[in-house]
């Protein structure tokens, strides 16, 4: 059975736009833990289908889905059913039209894999299937802010997507019924086709108002796994250079030698972050053989490391940096260093620790030939992150 999915991205999100805290682009293109909402929706569907077709014409659609192995988007319509019909007609023109089709809202980024599979499995026996969650709250009807009655909740369900259908059945119904429907299951219901219900999920939240972003972040955060990264770096002292440590200038008789500004604290912190993300080390991202980085402010490197954390939908839990030297004394500057590193990483200063130790006059640091630094970071990374 060949399975296709329509990913609807033409909605205007009127309720989202009306939210007091909503701003910027349409809801399906808002960033959610480092990825656009609609990209997360696409990634949730792709393992289950043979082809995925986005429906919408917003310029942000192609950008949000760049690099994914999907069909080129087709333009949507004024209403949801117009967009679905446009997608179905495009699928019908494929050399191999699908046997089954899933229709999914681009604003549902966290649909669990089991929900998608439940729908597909049920299509072996049914022409239409929807995931849904039973209504458990007491339901009231009201008018002008006054309750007019209590609605029995027995047999009431909250419909979700993706909704699944036999492709030809849904295509023919959309061709013959062009009146508005809130979902595609209603077409089958009207035509007398039974539609099955399978277990949905409370995590399958549709981004409707701005406050839903916080609920969706909570779903993603529950699937984060801890990663630990270690960093170590050393730089020799050199006459005639400023001493830059953890992003600030420290008064001293010598600076540190290096291709950039030789900030040993930031360099080791970057290595720890890249290590936790399994993205190599600072030399991979900023090669010392490249003159572009000669005498570069190392703050630029740490900003990049922070960007990589956010791009992966990850979260820095804490960072602990130890500077190893006899002189200068680090204690008087530690709090300023912490704040500078926190600002560069866009995290609270409480997540950053900077401390110092000596090597008891032993070795190159004991002889005041240079400064060494170590760093340990803890980062929470999504379990099902995009490769």
Protein backbone atom coordinates (compact mmCIF):
# COMPACT_ATOMS: atom_id res chain seq x y z
CA UNK A 1 0.00 0.00 0.00
CA UNK A 2 1.48 3.32 -1.10
CA UNK A 3 0.91 6.02 1.50
CA UNK A 4 0.97 9.79 0.94
CA UNK A 5 0.53 12.64 3.39
CA UNK A 6 -0.84 16.14 2.84
CA UNK A 7 0.69 18.69 5.19
CA UNK A 8 -1.63 21.69 5.35
CA UNK A 9 0.16 25.03 5.69
CA UNK A 10 -2.23 27.51 4.09
CA UNK A 11 -4.14 28.44 7.25
CA UNK A 12 -4.07 32.06 8.39
CA UNK A 13 -4.31 31.31 12.13
CA UNK A 14 -6.82 34.01 13.03
CA UNK A 15 -7.13 32.89 16.65
CA UNK A 16 -3.36 32.69 17.02
CA UNK A 17 -2.88 36.16 15.54
CA UNK A 18 -5.48 37.52 17.97
CA UNK A 19 -3.62 36.17 21.00
CA UNK A 20 -2.17 38.95 23.17
CA UNK A 21 1.33 37.41 23.09
CA UNK A 22 1.29 36.42 19.40
CA UNK A 23 3.55 38.25 17.00
CA UNK A 24 5.46 37.79 13.78
CA UNK A 25 4.95 35.05 11.20
CA UNK A 26 2.03 32.65 10.81
CA UNK A 27 1.78 30.07 13.56
CA UNK A 28 3.04 27.10 11.54
CA UNK A 29 6.29 28.95 10.83
CA UNK A 30 7.02 29.99 14.41
CA UNK A 31 10.19 28.53 15.92
CA UNK A 32 9.69 25.73 18.43
CA UNK A 33 12.84 24.63 20.26
CA UNK A 34 15.04 25.54 17.29
CA UNK A 35 12.84 24.30 14.43
CA UNK A 36 9.77 25.73 12.66
CA UNK A 37 6.52 24.19 13.87
CA UNK A 38 5.70 22.85 10.42
CA UNK A 39 9.12 21.22 10.03
CA UNK A 40 8.52 19.27 13.22
CA UNK A 41 5.12 18.22 11.83
CA UNK A 42 6.75 17.03 8.60
CA UNK A 43 9.46 15.11 10.45
CA UNK A 44 6.81 13.34 12.53
CA UNK A 45 5.03 12.10 9.39
CA UNK A 46 7.93 11.25 7.09
CA UNK A 47 8.95 7.88 8.61
CA UNK A 48 5.42 6.56 8.00
CA UNK A 49 4.72 7.66 4.41
CA UNK A 50 6.15 7.22 0.94
CA UNK A 51 5.55 10.81 -0.18
CA UNK A 52 4.76 14.02 1.66
CA UNK A 53 3.14 16.97 -0.09
CA UNK A 54 2.98 20.39 1.60
CA UNK A 55 0.00 22.56 0.68
CA UNK A 56 0.47 26.30 0.94
CA UNK A 57 2.10 29.24 -0.84
CA UNK A 58 3.68 31.25 1.96
CA UNK A 59 7.31 32.13 1.05
CA UNK A 60 8.37 30.76 4.44
CA UNK A 61 7.10 27.27 3.58
CA UNK A 62 10.01 26.28 1.33
CA UNK A 63 12.50 27.78 3.79
CA UNK A 64 10.97 25.93 6.74
CA UNK A 65 11.08 22.56 4.97
CA UNK A 66 14.41 23.02 3.14
CA UNK A 67 16.49 19.88 2.78
CA UNK A 68 13.68 17.41 3.45
CA UNK A 69 12.94 14.65 0.93
CA UNK A 70 9.42 15.79 0.08
CA UNK A 71 7.39 16.88 -2.96
CA UNK A 72 7.33 20.54 -4.03
CA UNK A 73 4.49 22.42 -2.35
CA UNK A 74 1.25 23.19 -4.15
CA UNK A 75 -0.77 26.34 -3.51
CA UNK A 76 -3.61 26.09 -1.04
CA UNK A 77 -7.09 27.58 -1.22
CA UNK A 78 -9.16 30.12 0.66
CA UNK A 79 -10.55 27.48 3.03
CA UNK A 80 -9.25 24.22 4.46
CA UNK A 81 -11.31 21.98 2.16
CA UNK A 82 -9.99 23.93 -0.87
CA UNK A 83 -6.42 23.22 0.23
CA UNK A 84 -7.12 19.53 0.76
CA UNK A 85 -8.73 19.23 -2.67
CA UNK A 86 -5.74 20.97 -4.29
CA UNK A 87 -3.39 18.52 -2.60
CA UNK A 88 -5.45 15.50 -3.59
CA UNK A 89 -5.55 16.59 -7.23
CA UNK A 90 -1.77 17.01 -7.22
CA UNK A 91 -1.33 13.51 -5.77
CA UNK A 92 -3.66 12.12 -8.44
CA UNK A 93 -1.24 13.38 -11.12
CA UNK A 94 1.71 11.44 -9.72
CA UNK A 95 3.02 8.52 -11.83
CA UNK A 96 2.01 6.31 -8.90
CA UNK A 97 -0.95 7.82 -7.04
CA UNK A 98 -1.20 6.64 -3.44
CA UNK A 99 -3.56 4.02 -2.08
CA UNK A 100 -3.90 5.79 1.28
CA UNK A 101 -3.64 9.44 2.21
CA UNK A 102 -3.09 11.15 5.56
CA UNK A 103 -4.23 14.73 6.05
CA UNK A 104 -2.34 16.57 8.79
CA UNK A 105 -2.39 20.09 10.17
CA UNK A 106 0.95 21.84 9.85
CA UNK A 107 0.28 23.37 13.25
CA UNK A 108 0.40 19.96 15.03
CA UNK A 109 4.16 19.47 15.46
CA UNK A 110 4.24 16.84 18.22
CA UNK A 111 2.03 14.04 16.95
CA UNK A 112 3.44 10.81 18.46
CA UNK A 113 4.61 8.09 16.10
CA UNK A 114 2.14 5.64 17.67
CA UNK A 115 -0.82 7.88 16.78
CA UNK A 116 0.24 7.98 13.12
CA UNK A 117 0.72 4.22 13.09
CA UNK A 118 -2.67 3.68 14.75
CA UNK A 119 -4.34 5.53 11.88
CA UNK A 120 -2.45 3.62 9.19
CA UNK A 121 -3.15 0.24 10.78
CA UNK A 122 -6.88 0.95 11.06
CA UNK A 123 -7.07 1.85 7.36
CA UNK A 124 -6.63 -1.85 6.59
CA UNK A 125 -10.25 -2.32 7.68
CA UNK A 126 -11.81 1.14 7.26
CA UNK A 127 -12.17 3.75 4.52
CA UNK A 128 -11.65 6.59 6.97
CA UNK A 129 -9.94 6.86 10.35
CA UNK A 130 -9.33 9.72 12.76
CA UNK A 131 -7.31 9.89 15.99
CA UNK A 132 -9.30 11.36 18.85
CA UNK A 133 -9.30 11.85 22.59
CA UNK A 134 -12.40 11.27 24.71
CA UNK A 135 -13.94 14.37 26.30
CA UNK A 136 -13.58 14.05 30.08
CA UNK A 137 -14.53 17.56 31.22
CA UNK A 138 -18.10 18.62 31.88
CA UNK A 139 -19.40 20.46 28.83
CA UNK A 140 -21.64 23.51 29.17
CA UNK A 141 -23.61 25.35 26.51
CA UNK A 142 -23.85 29.11 27.01
CA UNK A 143 -25.19 32.28 25.45
CA UNK A 144 -24.07 35.83 26.21
CA UNK A 145 -21.87 34.55 29.03
CA UNK A 146 -24.66 32.66 30.77
CA UNK A 147 -24.95 28.86 30.93
CA UNK A 148 -27.94 27.52 29.04
CA UNK A 149 -27.43 23.83 29.69
CA UNK A 150 -25.13 20.89 30.39
CA UNK A 151 -24.20 18.74 27.41
CA UNK A 152 -23.85 14.99 28.07
CA UNK A 153 -20.21 14.10 27.45
CA UNK A 154 -20.79 10.39 26.86
CA UNK A 155 -19.68 9.56 23.34
CA UNK A 156 -17.98 12.93 22.75
CA UNK A 157 -14.50 12.96 21.26
CA UNK A 158 -11.94 15.65 20.39
CA UNK A 159 -10.80 15.03 16.81
CA UNK A 160 -7.13 15.29 15.90
CA UNK A 161 -4.95 14.78 12.83
CA UNK A 162 -3.52 13.08 10.86
CA UNK A 163 -6.81 11.77 9.54
CA UNK A 164 -6.44 8.83 7.19
CA UNK A 165 -8.47 7.76 4.15
CA UNK A 166 -8.54 5.53 1.14
CA UNK A 167 -7.20 7.93 -1.46
CA UNK A 168 -9.77 7.38 -4.20
CA UNK A 169 -12.66 7.65 -1.75
CA UNK A 170 -11.53 11.01 -0.41
CA UNK A 171 -10.63 12.34 -3.87
CA UNK A 172 -14.06 11.51 -5.31
CA UNK A 173 -15.88 13.04 -2.34
CA UNK A 174 -13.89 16.26 -2.60
CA UNK A 175 -14.65 16.46 -6.31
CA UNK A 176 -18.40 16.11 -5.76
CA UNK A 177 -18.80 18.02 -2.45
CA UNK A 178 -17.33 21.51 -2.48
CA UNK A 179 -19.06 22.96 0.55
CA UNK A 180 -17.03 23.78 3.65
CA UNK A 181 -16.18 21.13 6.23
CA UNK A 182 -14.16 21.51 9.40
CA UNK A 183 -12.45 18.20 8.69
CA UNK A 184 -12.38 15.54 6.00
CA UNK A 185 -14.04 12.87 8.10
CA UNK A 186 -17.26 14.89 7.81
CA UNK A 187 -17.31 14.23 4.06
CA UNK A 188 -17.30 10.49 4.61
CA UNK A 189 -19.89 10.79 7.37
CA UNK A 190 -22.26 12.70 5.07
CA UNK A 191 -21.79 10.15 2.29
CA UNK A 192 -22.61 7.27 4.63
CA UNK A 193 -19.11 5.86 4.97
CA UNK A 194 -18.29 4.76 8.55
CA UNK A 195 -15.26 6.49 10.02
CA UNK A 196 -13.31 4.73 12.72
CA UNK A 197 -11.75 6.34 15.79
CA UNK A 198 -8.33 5.32 17.11
CA UNK A 199 -6.49 6.52 20.17
CA UNK A 200 -5.09 10.02 19.85
CA UNK A 201 -2.80 11.71 22.34
CA UNK A 202 -2.88 14.68 24.68
CA UNK A 203 0.58 15.52 23.32
CA UNK A 204 -0.88 15.99 19.83
CA UNK A 205 -1.53 19.67 20.51
CA UNK A 206 -2.63 22.01 17.74
CA UNK A 207 -0.97 25.40 17.95
CA UNK A 208 -4.04 27.62 18.15
CA UNK A 209 -3.16 30.44 20.56
CA UNK A 210 0.25 31.73 21.57
CA UNK A 211 0.07 30.05 24.97
CA UNK A 212 0.06 26.67 23.19
CA UNK A 213 3.74 27.23 22.38
CA UNK A 214 4.58 26.71 26.06
CA UNK A 215 2.57 23.48 26.15
CA UNK A 216 4.36 22.22 23.04
CA UNK A 217 7.75 23.12 24.48
CA UNK A 218 6.82 21.03 27.50
CA UNK A 219 6.08 18.03 25.26
CA UNK A 220 9.45 18.36 23.53
CA UNK A 221 11.34 18.88 26.78
CA UNK A 222 10.01 15.60 28.15
CA UNK A 223 11.85 13.83 25.33
CA UNK A 224 15.24 15.41 25.99
CA UNK A 225 18.23 13.22 26.84
CA UNK A 226 21.25 14.45 28.82
CA UNK A 227 24.58 14.85 27.06
CA UNK A 228 27.87 15.74 28.76
CA UNK A 229 30.80 17.44 27.06
CA UNK A 230 34.39 17.91 28.25
CA UNK A 231 36.83 20.56 27.09
CA UNK A 232 40.52 21.19 27.68
CA UNK A 233 42.79 23.84 26.21
CA UNK A 234 46.13 25.51 26.93
CA UNK A 235 47.82 28.67 25.64
CA UNK A 236 51.30 29.96 26.32
CA UNK A 237 51.95 33.49 27.51
CA UNK A 238 53.25 35.99 24.95
CA UNK A 239 54.60 39.49 25.32
CA UNK A 240 52.75 42.38 23.74
CA UNK A 241 49.25 40.90 23.74
CA UNK A 242 46.18 41.67 25.80
CA UNK A 243 45.06 38.94 28.18
CA UNK A 244 41.48 37.95 27.32
CA UNK A 245 39.86 35.34 29.56
CA UNK A 246 36.21 34.20 29.40
CA UNK A 247 35.32 37.15 27.22
CA UNK A 248 36.81 39.99 29.29
CA UNK A 249 40.18 41.74 29.36
CA UNK A 250 42.26 41.06 32.49
CA UNK A 251 45.11 43.39 33.52
CA UNK A 252 48.36 41.43 33.31
CA UNK A 253 51.92 41.77 32.09
CA UNK A 254 51.41 39.31 29.23
CA UNK A 255 48.68 37.99 27.00
CA UNK A 256 48.17 34.53 25.52
CA UNK A 257 49.56 33.31 22.21
CA UNK A 258 47.17 32.04 19.57
CA UNK A 259 45.67 32.49 16.12
CA UNK A 260 42.61 34.31 17.52
CA UNK A 261 42.60 36.36 20.71
CA UNK A 262 43.63 33.09 22.46
CA UNK A 263 40.83 33.19 25.05
CA UNK A 264 41.58 29.83 26.65
CA UNK A 265 38.40 29.92 28.76
CA UNK A 266 36.03 30.38 25.82
CA UNK A 267 37.97 27.91 23.67
CA UNK A 268 37.64 25.10 26.17
CA UNK A 269 33.96 25.93 26.76
CA UNK A 270 33.29 25.77 23.01
CA UNK A 271 35.03 22.39 22.81
CA UNK A 272 32.87 21.08 25.65
CA UNK A 273 29.67 22.27 23.92
CA UNK A 274 30.64 20.87 20.53
CA UNK A 275 31.59 17.61 22.22
CA UNK A 276 28.23 17.28 23.95
CA UNK A 277 26.54 17.84 20.58
CA UNK A 278 28.95 15.39 18.86
CA UNK A 279 29.99 18.15 16.47
CA UNK A 280 33.76 17.93 16.74
CA UNK A 281 35.83 20.71 18.27
CA UNK A 282 36.47 24.41 17.81
CA UNK A 283 39.12 23.73 15.16
CA UNK A 284 36.54 22.02 12.97
CA UNK A 285 34.28 25.07 12.96
CA UNK A 286 37.00 27.76 13.01
CA UNK A 287 40.21 26.29 11.55
CA UNK A 288 43.39 28.01 12.81
CA UNK A 289 44.74 27.78 9.26
CA UNK A 290 42.02 30.18 8.05
CA UNK A 291 43.11 33.80 8.17
CA UNK A 292 39.48 34.86 8.60
CA UNK A 293 39.81 33.98 12.28
CA UNK A 294 43.21 35.61 12.88
CA UNK A 295 43.03 37.83 16.00
CA UNK A 296 39.26 37.16 16.11
CA UNK A 297 37.33 37.94 19.28
CA UNK A 298 36.58 34.48 20.68
CA UNK A 299 33.14 35.71 21.70
CA UNK A 300 32.20 35.01 18.08
CA UNK A 301 33.05 31.33 18.59
CA UNK A 302 30.93 31.01 21.71
CA UNK A 303 27.97 32.73 20.05
CA UNK A 304 28.18 30.09 17.33
CA UNK A 305 28.29 27.28 19.91
CA UNK A 306 25.15 28.70 21.53
CA UNK A 307 23.45 28.91 18.15
CA UNK A 308 24.23 25.24 17.57
CA UNK A 309 22.57 24.34 20.89
CA UNK A 310 19.37 26.18 19.91
CA UNK A 311 19.42 24.89 16.33
CA UNK A 312 19.39 21.34 17.67
CA UNK A 313 16.36 22.13 19.83
CA UNK A 314 18.62 21.51 22.83
CA UNK A 315 19.07 23.29 26.15
CA UNK A 316 22.20 24.11 28.12
CA UNK A 317 21.70 22.93 31.69
CA UNK A 318 24.98 24.22 33.08
CA UNK A 319 28.61 24.92 32.25
CA UNK A 320 31.54 24.68 34.69
CA UNK A 321 34.85 26.27 33.66
CA UNK A 322 38.10 25.96 35.63
CA UNK A 323 41.07 28.20 34.81
CA UNK A 324 44.46 26.80 35.89
CA UNK A 325 47.18 29.36 36.51
CA UNK A 326 49.36 30.95 39.20
CA UNK A 327 48.66 34.45 37.98
CA UNK A 328 46.62 36.53 37.39
CA UNK A 329 44.17 35.99 40.22
CA UNK A 330 40.82 34.94 38.76
CA UNK A 331 38.61 35.38 41.81
CA UNK A 332 38.14 39.17 41.48
CA UNK A 333 36.95 38.74 37.89
CA UNK A 334 34.92 35.50 38.14
CA UNK A 335 31.49 37.11 38.44
CA UNK A 336 32.09 39.40 35.47
CA UNK A 337 33.27 36.37 33.47
CA UNK A 338 30.14 34.43 34.39
CA UNK A 339 27.88 37.23 33.23
CA UNK A 340 29.78 37.67 29.97
CA UNK A 341 29.60 33.96 29.14
CA UNK A 342 25.90 33.82 30.05
CA UNK A 343 25.18 36.80 27.79
CA UNK A 344 27.00 35.20 24.86
CA UNK A 345 25.15 31.90 25.34
CA UNK A 346 21.79 33.62 26.00
CA UNK A 347 21.23 31.78 29.29
CA UNK A 348 20.79 32.78 32.91
CA UNK A 349 24.02 33.46 34.75
CA UNK A 350 23.02 30.84 37.32
CA UNK A 351 23.85 28.19 34.71
CA UNK A 352 27.47 29.29 34.40
CA UNK A 353 30.29 28.58 36.86
CA UNK A 354 33.80 30.04 36.59
CA UNK A 355 36.48 29.11 39.11
CA UNK A 356 40.24 28.83 39.26
CA UNK A 357 42.98 26.72 40.75
CA UNK A 358 46.76 26.54 40.66
CA UNK A 359 49.07 23.64 39.94
CA UNK A 360 51.07 24.28 43.14
CA UNK A 361 53.99 25.70 41.15
CA UNK A 362 54.31 22.44 39.19
CA UNK A 363 54.49 22.13 35.42
CA UNK A 364 54.18 24.85 32.78
CA UNK A 365 51.33 26.60 34.59
CA UNK A 366 53.32 26.50 37.81
CA UNK A 367 56.25 28.11 36.04
CA UNK A 368 53.84 30.77 34.73
CA UNK A 369 54.49 29.84 31.13
CA UNK A 370 50.81 29.78 30.23
CA UNK A 371 47.24 29.12 31.29
CA UNK A 372 45.24 25.89 31.01
CA UNK A 373 41.47 25.52 31.24
CA UNK A 374 38.94 22.74 31.55
CA UNK A 375 35.19 22.84 31.03
CA UNK A 376 32.30 20.49 31.60
CA UNK A 377 28.84 21.13 30.18
CA UNK A 378 25.51 19.36 30.48
CA UNK A 379 23.11 19.75 27.55
CA UNK A 380 19.64 18.28 27.06
CA UNK A 381 19.18 17.15 23.46
CA UNK A 382 15.97 15.86 21.80
CA UNK A 383 15.91 12.07 21.64
CA UNK A 384 14.28 12.06 18.21
CA UNK A 385 16.24 14.99 16.77
CA UNK A 386 16.64 15.40 13.04
CA UNK A 387 19.87 13.88 11.78
